[in-house]
């Protein structure tokens, strides 16, 4: 349990918050965007999920709107 808490804190402090309205970096269709998501029911530890823009869109989430507040990292090619 302590290890999970330390890992979660390290991830939270590793990336300072971005200015509001900062869009996600542009990528290819295969680029995965890792975002903080609400904790599972009964847990107080937030989780991080990585999905492509299309996968996030199928869940009703706009990566560019969420990126400044909940973006953690990008996996895969970034354009620009």
Protein backbone atom coordinates (compact mmCIF):
# COMPACT_ATOMS: atom_id res chain seq x y z
CA UNK A 1 0.00 0.00 0.00
CA UNK A 2 2.80 2.43 0.86
CA UNK A 3 4.48 1.75 -2.49
CA UNK A 4 1.24 2.57 -4.37
CA UNK A 5 0.86 5.82 -2.44
CA UNK A 6 4.45 6.84 -3.11
CA UNK A 7 4.04 6.03 -6.80
CA UNK A 8 0.80 8.02 -7.02
CA UNK A 9 2.39 11.02 -5.28
CA UNK A 10 5.44 10.86 -7.55
CA UNK A 11 3.23 10.92 -10.63
CA UNK A 12 1.21 13.85 -9.30
CA UNK A 13 4.21 15.97 -8.42
CA UNK A 14 6.30 15.10 -11.50
CA UNK A 15 4.13 17.21 -13.80
CA UNK A 16 3.12 20.64 -12.50
CA UNK A 17 -0.31 21.87 -13.63
CA UNK A 18 -0.43 23.57 -17.02
CA UNK A 19 -2.13 26.91 -17.66
CA UNK A 20 -5.89 26.54 -18.21
CA UNK A 21 -6.81 25.90 -21.84
CA UNK A 22 -3.48 24.30 -22.73
CA UNK A 23 -4.29 21.72 -25.45
CA UNK A 24 -2.72 18.28 -25.62
CA UNK A 25 0.33 17.97 -27.89
CA UNK A 26 -0.58 16.95 -31.44
CA UNK A 27 0.17 13.34 -32.31
CA UNK A 28 -0.59 10.57 -34.74
CA UNK A 29 -3.71 8.37 -34.56
CA UNK A 30 -1.62 5.86 -32.55
CA UNK A 31 -0.42 8.41 -29.96
CA UNK A 32 -1.79 7.63 -26.50
CA UNK A 33 -2.67 10.37 -24.03
CA UNK A 34 -2.42 9.50 -20.35
CA UNK A 35 -4.92 11.31 -18.13
CA UNK A 36 -5.81 11.19 -14.45
CA UNK A 37 -9.26 9.71 -13.99
CA UNK A 38 -11.58 9.49 -11.01
CA UNK A 39 -10.68 6.79 -8.49
CA UNK A 40 -12.51 3.49 -8.52
CA UNK A 41 -15.45 3.25 -6.16
CA UNK A 42 -14.16 2.66 -2.64
CA UNK A 43 -10.68 3.97 -3.40
CA UNK A 44 -9.10 7.33 -2.70
CA UNK A 45 -6.20 6.84 -5.12
CA UNK A 46 -6.78 8.28 -8.55
CA UNK A 47 -5.77 6.21 -11.53
CA UNK A 48 -4.12 7.10 -14.79
CA UNK A 49 -5.38 5.70 -18.07
CA UNK A 50 -3.71 5.96 -21.48
CA UNK A 51 -5.82 5.93 -24.65
CA UNK A 52 -5.73 7.36 -28.17
CA UNK A 53 -7.74 10.49 -28.98
CA UNK A 54 -10.36 8.31 -30.69
CA UNK A 55 -10.66 6.01 -27.68
CA UNK A 56 -11.10 8.99 -25.34
CA UNK A 57 -13.68 10.48 -27.74
CA UNK A 58 -15.68 7.22 -27.71
CA UNK A 59 -15.90 7.69 -23.92
CA UNK A 60 -17.19 11.23 -24.44
CA UNK A 61 -13.99 12.99 -23.39
CA UNK A 62 -12.18 15.74 -25.31
CA UNK A 63 -8.45 15.30 -24.68
CA UNK A 64 -7.71 18.97 -25.44
CA UNK A 65 -10.23 20.19 -22.86
CA UNK A 66 -8.93 17.82 -20.15
CA UNK A 67 -5.22 18.04 -20.85
CA UNK A 68 -4.27 21.13 -18.79
CA UNK A 69 -5.90 19.79 -15.64
CA UNK A 70 -5.53 16.02 -15.97
CA UNK A 71 -2.80 15.33 -18.54
CA UNK A 72 0.11 13.23 -17.32
CA UNK A 73 2.14 12.09 -20.33
CA UNK A 74 2.04 11.20 -24.00
CA UNK A 75 3.10 7.80 -25.32
CA UNK A 76 4.09 7.61 -28.95
CA UNK A 77 4.93 10.11 -31.65
CA UNK A 78 4.23 13.79 -31.06
CA UNK A 79 4.01 16.09 -34.07
CA UNK A 80 5.74 19.44 -33.93
